[in-house]
N, C-alpha and C. Protein backbone atom coordinates (compact mmCIF):
# COMPACT_ATOMS: atom_id res chain seq x y z
N MET A 1 77.19 -16.27 -12.71
CA MET A 1 76.11 -15.84 -11.22
C MET A 1 75.99 -14.12 -11.28
N ASN A 2 76.83 -13.41 -11.79
CA ASN A 2 76.29 -11.96 -11.67
C ASN A 2 75.01 -11.95 -11.85
N LEU A 3 74.67 -12.42 -12.83
CA LEU A 3 73.23 -11.86 -14.38
C LEU A 3 72.09 -12.81 -13.06
N ALA A 4 72.83 -13.93 -12.45
CA ALA A 4 71.35 -14.68 -11.79
C ALA A 4 71.21 -13.59 -10.27
N SER A 5 72.08 -12.71 -9.58
CA SER A 5 72.28 -12.11 -8.62
C SER A 5 71.67 -10.67 -8.55
N ARG A 6 71.74 -10.25 -10.14
CA ARG A 6 71.15 -9.23 -10.34
C ARG A 6 69.70 -9.22 -10.68
N ALA A 7 69.08 -10.61 -11.46
CA ALA A 7 68.13 -10.64 -12.02
C ALA A 7 67.19 -10.90 -10.33
N SER A 8 67.55 -11.49 -9.18
CA SER A 8 66.83 -12.02 -7.65
C SER A 8 67.03 -10.74 -7.07
N ARG A 9 67.79 -9.64 -7.13
CA ARG A 9 67.81 -8.67 -6.46
C ARG A 9 66.59 -7.28 -7.07
N LEU A 10 66.73 -7.60 -8.28
CA LEU A 10 65.44 -6.97 -8.86
C LEU A 10 64.27 -7.36 -8.85
N ALA A 11 64.07 -8.73 -8.76
CA ALA A 11 62.67 -9.55 -8.27
C ALA A 11 62.47 -9.16 -7.24
N VAL A 12 63.18 -8.71 -6.09
CA VAL A 12 63.10 -8.47 -4.55
C VAL A 12 62.39 -7.23 -4.72
N GLN A 13 63.34 -6.57 -5.29
CA GLN A 13 63.09 -4.70 -5.52
C GLN A 13 61.78 -4.45 -5.84
N ILE A 14 61.26 -5.15 -6.87
CA ILE A 14 59.77 -5.02 -7.24
C ILE A 14 58.84 -5.69 -6.44
N ALA A 15 59.11 -6.72 -6.10
CA ALA A 15 58.07 -7.33 -4.93
C ALA A 15 58.04 -6.20 -3.61
N LEU A 16 59.29 -5.71 -3.06
CA LEU A 16 59.40 -4.55 -2.07
C LEU A 16 58.06 -3.11 -2.62
N LEU A 17 58.50 -2.81 -3.80
CA LEU A 17 57.93 -1.86 -4.45
C LEU A 17 56.63 -2.05 -4.71
N ILE A 18 56.08 -3.43 -5.03
CA ILE A 18 54.42 -3.74 -5.08
C ILE A 18 53.60 -3.49 -3.74
N ALA A 19 54.38 -4.48 -2.84
CA ALA A 19 53.97 -4.29 -1.28
C ALA A 19 54.02 -2.70 -0.84
N LEU A 20 54.74 -2.11 -0.68
CA LEU A 20 54.55 -0.88 -0.81
C LEU A 20 53.20 -0.34 -1.39
N LEU A 21 53.83 -0.23 -2.75
CA LEU A 21 52.35 0.43 -3.10
C LEU A 21 50.97 -0.11 -2.62
N GLY A 22 50.85 -1.60 -2.32
CA GLY A 22 49.80 -2.01 -1.68
C GLY A 22 49.17 -1.11 -0.24
N VAL A 23 50.28 -1.39 0.73
CA VAL A 23 50.40 -1.06 2.00
C VAL A 23 50.18 0.55 1.87
N GLY A 24 50.81 1.27 0.85
CA GLY A 24 50.29 2.94 0.23
C GLY A 24 48.96 3.26 0.10
N THR A 25 47.91 1.77 -0.59
CA THR A 25 46.86 2.86 -1.41
C THR A 25 45.91 1.79 -0.11
N PHE A 26 46.11 1.22 0.69
CA PHE A 26 45.58 0.85 1.40
C PHE A 26 44.86 1.73 2.96
N THR A 27 46.49 2.45 3.34
CA THR A 27 46.13 3.26 4.35
C THR A 27 45.73 5.05 3.82
N VAL A 28 45.67 4.68 2.81
CA VAL A 28 44.78 6.15 2.04
C VAL A 28 43.58 6.03 2.02
N LEU A 29 42.96 4.83 1.17
CA LEU A 29 41.71 4.37 0.73
C LEU A 29 40.68 3.81 2.29
N HIS A 30 41.58 3.44 3.14
CA HIS A 30 40.59 2.63 4.23
C HIS A 30 39.93 3.61 4.78
N PRO A 31 40.25 4.49 5.59
CA PRO A 31 39.32 5.29 6.46
C PRO A 31 38.14 5.85 5.59
N TYR A 32 38.27 6.11 3.81
CA TYR A 32 37.21 6.45 3.04
C TYR A 32 36.42 4.82 2.84
N LEU A 33 36.90 3.92 3.04
CA LEU A 33 36.52 2.61 2.60
C LEU A 33 35.21 2.33 3.44
N SER A 34 36.08 2.40 4.91
CA SER A 34 35.04 1.53 5.89
C SER A 34 34.66 2.62 7.36
N ASP A 35 34.94 3.82 6.76
CA ASP A 35 34.05 4.89 7.65
C ASP A 35 32.21 4.96 7.41
N GLY A 36 31.65 3.73 8.04
CA GLY A 36 30.15 3.92 7.98
C GLY A 36 29.57 5.27 8.24
N GLU A 37 29.80 5.50 9.61
CA GLU A 37 29.41 6.16 10.67
C GLU A 37 29.19 7.44 9.49
N ARG A 38 30.63 8.21 9.07
CA ARG A 38 30.42 9.38 8.00
C ARG A 38 29.50 9.31 6.77
N ILE A 39 29.80 8.40 6.38
CA ILE A 39 28.72 8.04 4.99
C ILE A 39 26.82 8.06 5.55
N TYR A 40 26.74 7.17 6.71
CA TYR A 40 25.51 7.34 7.33
C TYR A 40 25.19 8.89 7.41
N ASN A 41 25.81 9.63 8.29
CA ASN A 41 25.65 11.06 8.81
C ASN A 41 25.94 11.94 7.54
N GLN A 42 25.96 11.65 6.18
CA GLN A 42 25.80 12.30 5.04
C GLN A 42 24.33 11.70 4.11
N GLY A 43 23.57 10.71 4.90
CA GLY A 43 22.57 10.68 4.40
C GLY A 43 22.36 9.77 3.66
N ARG A 44 23.09 8.43 3.68
CA ARG A 44 23.05 7.15 2.87
C ARG A 44 21.76 6.60 3.26
N ILE A 45 21.18 6.33 2.36
CA ILE A 45 20.12 4.78 2.32
C ILE A 45 20.62 3.60 2.04
N ASP A 46 20.13 2.86 3.06
CA ASP A 46 20.92 1.49 3.10
C ASP A 46 19.84 0.33 2.19
N GLU A 47 18.81 0.60 2.27
CA GLU A 47 17.60 -0.17 1.85
C GLU A 47 16.45 0.57 1.58
N VAL A 48 15.82 0.28 0.58
CA VAL A 48 14.55 0.92 -0.26
C VAL A 48 13.42 -0.40 -0.40
N VAL A 49 12.29 0.14 0.22
CA VAL A 49 11.32 -0.95 0.17
C VAL A 49 10.00 -0.30 -0.21
N SER A 50 9.21 -1.15 -0.91
CA SER A 50 8.10 -0.60 -1.73
C SER A 50 6.77 -1.25 -0.56
N GLN A 51 6.33 -0.27 0.26
CA GLN A 51 5.21 -0.23 1.17
C GLN A 51 5.80 -1.18 2.35
N GLY A 52 6.42 -1.91 2.88
CA GLY A 52 6.73 -2.53 3.76
C GLY A 52 6.22 -4.00 3.89
N PRO A 53 6.19 -4.99 4.69
CA PRO A 53 6.56 -4.57 6.19
C PRO A 53 8.15 -4.89 6.30
N VAL A 54 8.68 -3.53 6.78
CA VAL A 54 10.34 -3.71 6.90
C VAL A 54 10.59 -3.83 8.71
N THR A 55 11.59 -4.67 9.51
CA THR A 55 11.93 -4.54 10.70
C THR A 55 12.81 -3.56 11.04
N VAL A 56 13.21 -2.38 11.66
CA VAL A 56 14.05 -1.73 11.83
C VAL A 56 14.07 -1.25 13.44
N GLN A 57 14.97 -1.56 13.90
CA GLN A 57 15.20 -1.34 15.49
C GLN A 57 13.85 -1.94 16.46
N ASP A 58 13.12 -3.72 15.78
CA ASP A 58 12.66 -4.21 16.75
C ASP A 58 11.02 -3.80 16.55
N ILE A 59 10.91 -2.67 15.59
CA ILE A 59 9.89 -2.29 15.27
C ILE A 59 9.39 -2.71 13.53
N GLU A 60 8.24 -3.18 13.38
CA GLU A 60 7.93 -3.50 12.47
C GLU A 60 6.91 -2.13 11.34
N TRP A 61 7.49 -1.78 10.22
CA TRP A 61 6.95 -0.89 10.02
C TRP A 61 6.27 -1.24 8.65
N LYS A 62 5.06 -0.70 8.26
CA LYS A 62 4.16 -0.68 6.86
C LYS A 62 3.73 0.77 6.69
N LEU A 63 3.78 0.81 5.15
CA LEU A 63 3.41 2.03 5.10
C LEU A 63 2.16 1.98 4.25
N ASP A 64 1.05 2.73 5.21
CA ASP A 64 -0.93 1.88 4.51
C ASP A 64 -0.81 3.22 3.38
N SER A 65 -0.25 4.78 3.61
CA SER A 65 -1.22 5.15 2.61
C SER A 65 0.01 7.04 3.19
N LEU A 66 0.37 7.77 2.04
CA LEU A 66 1.07 8.63 1.76
C LEU A 66 0.37 9.39 1.02
N LYS A 67 -0.25 10.43 1.53
CA LYS A 67 -1.18 11.58 0.54
C LYS A 67 -0.66 13.45 1.35
N ALA A 68 -1.06 14.12 0.25
CA ALA A 68 -1.04 14.84 0.72
C ALA A 68 -2.21 16.32 0.55
N TYR A 69 -2.34 17.20 1.32
CA TYR A 69 -3.58 17.72 1.79
C TYR A 69 -3.27 19.09 1.89
N THR A 70 -4.45 20.06 2.06
CA THR A 70 -4.15 21.37 2.10
C THR A 70 -4.98 21.44 3.50
N SER A 71 -5.17 20.57 4.20
CA SER A 71 -5.86 20.89 5.66
C SER A 71 -5.97 19.32 5.99
N VAL A 72 -5.62 19.37 7.58
CA VAL A 72 -5.60 18.05 8.35
C VAL A 72 -7.20 18.07 9.10
N LEU A 73 -8.05 17.59 9.13
CA LEU A 73 -9.42 17.69 9.86
C LEU A 73 -8.87 16.21 11.48
N ASN A 74 -9.95 16.94 12.10
CA ASN A 74 -9.91 16.56 13.80
C ASN A 74 -11.25 15.16 13.41
N GLU A 75 -11.75 14.66 14.61
CA GLU A 75 -12.66 13.62 14.14
C GLU A 75 -13.87 14.27 14.30
N ASP A 76 -14.36 15.73 14.05
CA ASP A 76 -15.52 16.24 13.66
C ASP A 76 -16.18 16.70 12.19
N GLY A 77 -14.45 16.89 11.56
CA GLY A 77 -14.40 17.57 10.21
C GLY A 77 -13.77 18.67 9.79
N GLU A 78 -13.39 18.98 11.30
CA GLU A 78 -13.11 20.77 11.42
C GLU A 78 -11.55 20.51 11.29
N ALA A 79 -10.82 21.61 10.90
CA ALA A 79 -9.36 21.72 10.53
C ALA A 79 -9.07 21.75 11.43
N ILE A 80 -7.76 20.93 11.68
CA ILE A 80 -6.81 21.51 13.25
C ILE A 80 -5.53 22.29 12.60
N GLN A 81 -5.75 22.95 13.60
CA GLN A 81 -4.90 24.21 13.60
C GLN A 81 -3.77 23.78 13.75
N LEU A 82 -2.71 24.26 12.88
CA LEU A 82 -1.26 23.76 12.72
C LEU A 82 -0.40 24.96 12.52
N ASP A 83 0.66 24.98 12.94
CA ASP A 83 1.72 26.50 13.05
C ASP A 83 2.06 25.99 11.78
N ALA A 84 1.65 26.31 10.53
CA ALA A 84 2.13 26.24 9.45
C ALA A 84 2.42 27.46 8.67
N PRO A 85 3.78 27.98 7.50
CA PRO A 85 3.86 28.86 6.52
C PRO A 85 2.85 29.21 5.77
N ALA A 86 2.27 30.20 5.31
CA ALA A 86 1.53 30.29 4.26
C ALA A 86 2.05 29.02 3.05
N GLY A 87 1.10 28.95 2.30
CA GLY A 87 1.70 28.46 1.10
C GLY A 87 2.19 26.76 1.59
N SER A 88 1.87 26.42 2.67
CA SER A 88 2.55 24.89 2.96
C SER A 88 1.13 24.09 2.68
N ILE A 89 1.75 22.44 2.52
CA ILE A 89 1.01 21.07 2.23
C ILE A 89 1.16 20.19 3.44
N PHE A 90 0.12 20.07 3.55
CA PHE A 90 0.22 18.51 4.76
C PHE A 90 0.20 17.56 4.31
N VAL A 91 1.21 16.73 4.40
CA VAL A 91 1.68 15.43 3.87
C VAL A 91 1.18 14.51 5.20
N LEU A 92 0.12 13.53 5.02
CA LEU A 92 -0.45 12.66 6.14
C LEU A 92 0.32 11.15 5.40
N ALA A 93 0.80 10.43 6.42
CA ALA A 93 1.30 9.18 6.11
C ALA A 93 0.45 8.38 7.48
N THR A 94 -0.41 7.25 6.98
CA THR A 94 -0.72 6.44 7.68
C THR A 94 0.17 5.18 7.74
N LEU A 95 0.52 4.62 8.92
CA LEU A 95 1.39 3.83 8.97
C LEU A 95 0.89 2.56 10.12
N THR A 96 1.51 1.57 9.91
CA THR A 96 1.01 0.47 10.88
C THR A 96 2.60 -0.07 11.55
N VAL A 97 2.47 -0.19 12.76
CA VAL A 97 3.67 -0.09 13.42
C VAL A 97 3.51 -1.49 14.05
N THR A 98 4.29 -2.51 14.59
CA THR A 98 4.29 -3.37 15.12
C THR A 98 5.04 -3.73 16.01
N PRO A 99 5.20 -3.57 17.38
CA PRO A 99 6.81 -3.26 18.31
C PRO A 99 6.84 -5.23 18.69
N ARG A 100 8.15 -5.46 18.13
CA ARG A 100 8.48 -6.81 17.90
C ARG A 100 9.63 -7.21 19.39
N LYS A 101 9.25 -8.54 19.78
CA LYS A 101 10.35 -8.64 20.91
C LYS A 101 11.69 -8.28 21.09
N GLY A 102 12.26 -7.39 21.81
CA GLY A 102 13.55 -6.77 22.27
C GLY A 102 13.29 -5.68 22.52
N LEU A 103 12.25 -4.43 21.97
CA LEU A 103 11.67 -3.50 21.92
C LEU A 103 11.25 -2.97 23.71
N HIS A 104 11.84 -2.02 24.09
CA HIS A 104 11.44 -1.69 25.04
C HIS A 104 10.54 -0.54 25.10
N LEU A 105 8.91 -1.36 26.13
CA LEU A 105 8.06 -0.11 25.54
C LEU A 105 7.85 0.38 27.32
N ASP A 106 7.75 1.54 27.24
CA ASP A 106 7.71 2.62 28.49
C ASP A 106 6.18 3.04 28.43
N ASP A 107 5.04 2.62 29.43
CA ASP A 107 4.02 3.20 29.84
C ASP A 107 3.18 2.63 28.74
N ARG A 108 3.71 1.37 27.78
CA ARG A 108 3.12 0.71 26.53
C ARG A 108 3.23 1.86 25.51
N GLY A 109 4.22 2.39 25.12
CA GLY A 109 4.50 3.28 23.88
C GLY A 109 6.00 3.39 23.74
N PHE A 110 6.48 3.85 22.75
CA PHE A 110 8.05 3.90 22.05
C PHE A 110 7.92 4.79 21.49
N SER A 111 9.37 5.48 20.78
CA SER A 111 9.77 6.22 20.05
C SER A 111 9.53 5.45 18.31
N CYS A 112 8.68 6.27 17.60
CA CYS A 112 8.61 6.02 16.65
C CYS A 112 8.98 7.09 15.40
N ASP A 113 10.10 7.58 15.13
CA ASP A 113 10.37 8.33 14.64
C ASP A 113 10.52 7.91 13.06
N ALA A 114 9.56 8.47 12.00
CA ALA A 114 9.81 8.64 10.75
C ALA A 114 9.93 9.80 10.05
N LEU A 115 11.47 10.16 8.98
CA LEU A 115 11.18 11.29 8.71
C LEU A 115 11.09 11.02 7.05
N LEU A 116 10.21 12.33 6.21
CA LEU A 116 9.72 12.56 5.04
C LEU A 116 10.86 13.22 4.06
N ARG A 117 10.67 12.08 2.90
CA ARG A 117 12.12 12.52 2.32
C ARG A 117 11.64 12.68 0.85
N ASP A 118 12.49 13.92 0.49
CA ASP A 118 12.31 14.11 -1.38
C ASP A 118 13.40 13.43 -1.78
N SER A 119 13.42 13.10 -3.38
CA SER A 119 14.42 13.30 -4.04
C SER A 119 15.71 13.75 -3.66
N LYS A 120 15.88 15.14 -3.57
CA LYS A 120 16.61 15.65 -3.17
C LYS A 120 17.83 15.91 -1.58
N GLY A 121 17.06 15.00 -0.97
CA GLY A 121 17.69 14.84 0.27
C GLY A 121 17.44 15.26 1.38
N ASN A 122 16.43 16.37 1.04
CA ASN A 122 15.84 17.23 2.12
C ASN A 122 14.87 16.49 3.00
N THR A 123 14.89 16.60 4.59
CA THR A 123 14.10 15.46 5.51
C THR A 123 12.77 16.43 6.31
N TRP A 124 12.20 16.13 6.45
CA TRP A 124 10.86 16.89 7.41
C TRP A 124 10.45 15.62 8.68
N ASP A 125 10.67 16.16 9.38
CA ASP A 125 10.03 15.97 10.88
C ASP A 125 8.54 16.03 10.45
N ASP A 126 7.60 15.09 11.74
CA ASP A 126 6.65 15.19 11.49
C ASP A 126 6.11 16.51 12.96
N THR A 127 4.81 16.32 12.89
CA THR A 127 4.52 17.58 13.46
C THR A 127 3.25 17.14 14.65
N LEU A 128 2.92 17.45 15.58
CA LEU A 128 1.67 16.52 16.55
C LEU A 128 0.72 17.61 15.94
N ALA A 129 -0.04 16.65 15.77
CA ALA A 129 -1.67 17.14 15.23
C ALA A 129 -2.74 16.29 16.57
N THR A 130 -3.03 17.15 17.23
CA THR A 130 -3.78 16.80 18.28
C THR A 130 -5.28 17.05 17.59
N GLY A 131 -6.03 16.03 18.12
CA GLY A 131 -6.85 15.74 17.57
C GLY A 131 -7.63 14.78 16.44
N TYR A 132 -6.45 14.34 15.76
CA TYR A 132 -6.47 13.73 14.47
C TYR A 132 -7.08 12.43 14.98
N PRO A 133 -7.90 11.60 14.23
CA PRO A 133 -8.55 10.33 14.56
C PRO A 133 -7.48 9.15 15.42
N LEU A 134 -6.30 9.33 14.32
CA LEU A 134 -5.57 8.32 14.87
C LEU A 134 -4.29 9.15 15.65
N PRO A 135 -3.99 8.15 16.61
CA PRO A 135 -2.46 8.88 17.51
C PRO A 135 -1.34 8.81 16.30
N THR A 136 -0.76 10.28 16.54
CA THR A 136 0.14 10.65 15.80
C THR A 136 1.79 10.72 16.23
N PHE A 137 1.77 9.55 17.36
CA PHE A 137 2.69 8.88 18.38
C PHE A 137 2.65 7.62 18.31
N CYS A 138 3.89 7.17 18.84
CA CYS A 138 3.45 5.73 19.99
C CYS A 138 3.79 5.68 21.05
N GLY A 139 3.27 6.74 21.54
CA GLY A 139 2.87 6.64 22.97
C GLY A 139 1.93 7.27 23.65
N ASP A 140 0.72 7.44 22.98
CA ASP A 140 -0.37 8.13 23.35
C ASP A 140 -1.38 6.96 24.32
N ASP A 141 -1.62 7.69 25.13
CA ASP A 141 -2.26 6.94 26.83
C ASP A 141 -3.50 5.93 25.82
N ASP A 142 -4.53 7.04 25.23
CA ASP A 142 -5.42 6.37 24.66
C ASP A 142 -5.37 5.09 23.52
N HIS A 143 -4.32 5.03 23.31
CA HIS A 143 -3.80 3.76 22.18
C HIS A 143 -2.60 3.30 22.68
N PRO A 144 -2.71 2.19 23.42
CA PRO A 144 -1.31 1.66 23.99
C PRO A 144 -1.07 0.59 22.96
N PHE A 145 0.01 0.45 23.12
CA PHE A 145 0.82 -0.74 22.62
C PHE A 145 1.08 -1.89 22.91
N THR A 146 0.84 -3.02 22.51
CA THR A 146 1.48 -4.32 22.74
C THR A 146 2.75 -5.26 22.01
N ILE A 147 3.53 -5.63 22.63
CA ILE A 147 4.29 -6.56 22.11
C ILE A 147 3.97 -7.28 20.98
N ASP A 148 3.97 -7.76 19.69
CA ASP A 148 3.55 -8.30 18.42
C ASP A 148 2.48 -7.91 18.35
N LYS A 149 1.45 -6.69 18.60
CA LYS A 149 0.15 -6.36 18.36
C LYS A 149 0.61 -5.08 17.29
N PRO A 150 0.09 -5.32 15.91
CA PRO A 150 0.31 -4.02 15.08
C PRO A 150 -1.13 -3.18 15.52
N GLY A 151 -0.22 -1.71 15.63
CA GLY A 151 -1.22 -0.90 15.72
C GLY A 151 -1.00 0.74 14.60
N LYS A 152 -2.24 1.29 14.15
CA LYS A 152 -1.93 2.56 13.37
C LYS A 152 -1.61 3.57 14.20
N VAL A 153 -0.78 4.19 12.94
CA VAL A 153 -0.24 5.31 13.76
C VAL A 153 -0.42 6.33 12.56
N ALA A 154 -0.43 7.98 12.45
CA ALA A 154 -0.82 8.70 11.67
C ALA A 154 0.68 9.60 11.98
N LYS A 155 1.48 9.98 10.65
CA LYS A 155 2.61 11.02 10.49
C LYS A 155 1.88 12.35 10.03
N VAL A 156 2.12 13.31 10.32
CA VAL A 156 1.90 14.30 9.37
C VAL A 156 2.66 16.02 9.67
N TYR A 157 2.98 15.59 8.43
CA TYR A 157 4.29 16.60 8.00
C TYR A 157 4.02 17.75 7.00
N ILE A 158 4.68 19.17 7.68
CA ILE A 158 4.40 20.71 6.93
C ILE A 158 5.27 20.53 6.15
N VAL A 159 4.69 20.89 4.97
CA VAL A 159 6.44 20.78 3.64
C VAL A 159 5.86 22.36 2.86
N PRO A 160 6.97 22.76 1.99
CA PRO A 160 6.35 23.74 0.94
C PRO A 160 5.56 22.92 0.01
N LYS A 161 4.85 23.91 -0.61
CA LYS A 161 4.14 23.03 -1.71
C LYS A 161 5.24 22.84 -3.01
N SER A 162 6.50 23.51 -2.95
CA SER A 162 6.91 23.13 -4.14
C SER A 162 7.68 21.73 -3.88
N ALA A 163 7.42 21.27 -2.76
CA ALA A 163 8.40 19.89 -2.40
C ALA A 163 7.48 18.54 -2.74
N VAL A 164 6.11 18.80 -3.10
CA VAL A 164 5.19 17.97 -3.27
C VAL A 164 5.63 17.17 -3.81
N PRO A 165 5.53 17.39 -4.55
CA PRO A 165 6.04 16.14 -6.48
C PRO A 165 7.68 15.17 -6.14
N ASN A 166 8.41 16.05 -5.45
CA ASN A 166 9.54 15.31 -5.33
C ASN A 166 9.39 14.56 -3.91
N LEU A 167 8.54 14.33 -3.61
CA LEU A 167 8.26 13.57 -2.24
C LEU A 167 8.32 12.02 -2.50
N ILE A 168 9.53 11.13 -1.62
CA ILE A 168 9.46 9.37 -2.47
C ILE A 168 9.06 8.54 -1.01
N GLY A 169 8.85 9.23 -0.29
CA GLY A 169 8.38 8.33 0.67
C GLY A 169 9.25 8.67 2.60
N LEU A 170 9.34 7.57 3.35
CA LEU A 170 9.18 8.09 4.71
C LEU A 170 11.00 6.99 5.08
N THR A 171 11.77 7.72 5.70
CA THR A 171 12.73 6.84 6.23
C THR A 171 12.74 6.71 8.13
N VAL A 172 13.22 5.28 8.27
CA VAL A 172 13.15 4.62 9.19
C VAL A 172 14.81 4.61 9.48
N GLU A 173 15.22 4.61 10.80
CA GLU A 173 16.52 4.34 10.89
C GLU A 173 16.83 3.73 12.13
N ASP A 174 18.05 2.89 12.31
CA ASP A 174 18.61 2.49 13.34
C ASP A 174 20.07 3.27 13.19
N PHE A 175 20.34 4.30 14.45
CA PHE A 175 21.43 4.74 14.71
C PHE A 175 22.74 3.92 15.65
N TYR A 176 22.14 2.80 16.05
CA TYR A 176 23.09 2.39 16.43
C TYR A 176 24.07 1.43 15.28
N VAL A 177 23.53 0.82 15.01
CA VAL A 177 24.23 -0.03 13.06
C VAL A 177 23.99 0.77 12.14
N HIS A 178 24.01 2.40 12.06
CA HIS A 178 24.07 2.90 11.09
C HIS A 178 23.30 2.49 9.75
N ARG A 179 22.00 2.32 10.03
CA ARG A 179 20.80 1.39 8.96
C ARG A 179 20.05 2.43 8.73
N ARG A 180 20.05 2.91 7.21
CA ARG A 180 18.73 3.96 7.12
C ARG A 180 17.50 3.10 6.08
N VAL A 181 16.55 2.79 6.23
CA VAL A 181 15.54 2.15 4.97
C VAL A 181 14.58 3.31 4.73
N LEU A 182 14.41 3.19 3.02
CA LEU A 182 13.50 4.39 2.68
C LEU A 182 12.00 3.26 2.75
N ILE A 183 10.61 3.86 3.12
CA ILE A 183 9.72 2.96 2.51
C ILE A 183 8.73 4.01 1.59
N THR A 184 8.80 3.27 0.48
CA THR A 184 7.88 4.10 -0.42
C THR A 184 6.60 3.77 -0.72
N PRO A 185 5.58 4.83 -0.71
CA PRO A 185 4.48 4.02 -1.17
C PRO A 185 3.97 3.26 -2.45
């Protein structure tokens, strides 16, 4: 009986140690495994799509082209004056965007931000290129948007010449659900 008592006590102690080890491991790793916001803020890409279409935040995106130029021309074929450092390259992205049901259109426009990204994790915001034949933002009075009707938008990015070989595409994101999609050409 003494031997059976020791065996049951040992089994209980081993079970308790395993339970404590499991709780300790969960307590230590849980913040790292479930902290989606922190990982999102570090630049995580959740999905990679070749050209699209992909719907993010009630906007359907399709990348039509992504090309690098030494200057951007207006409707008359003249160079648009953009504030760019010497040696910069202009990257022009042409997109087809379609506002979907659920998106709020302010004065028939909406925010359609897309960042240019390279393979090193660097990102660039677009710049306003007044006079370009296509609208460069999704709130242009001359090019209003309608729900479920596609429209063309151009995004102009100013990047260093050394970054051009490393460019991989555009990222669009939904901050509220921490989702970032890379659209590659």
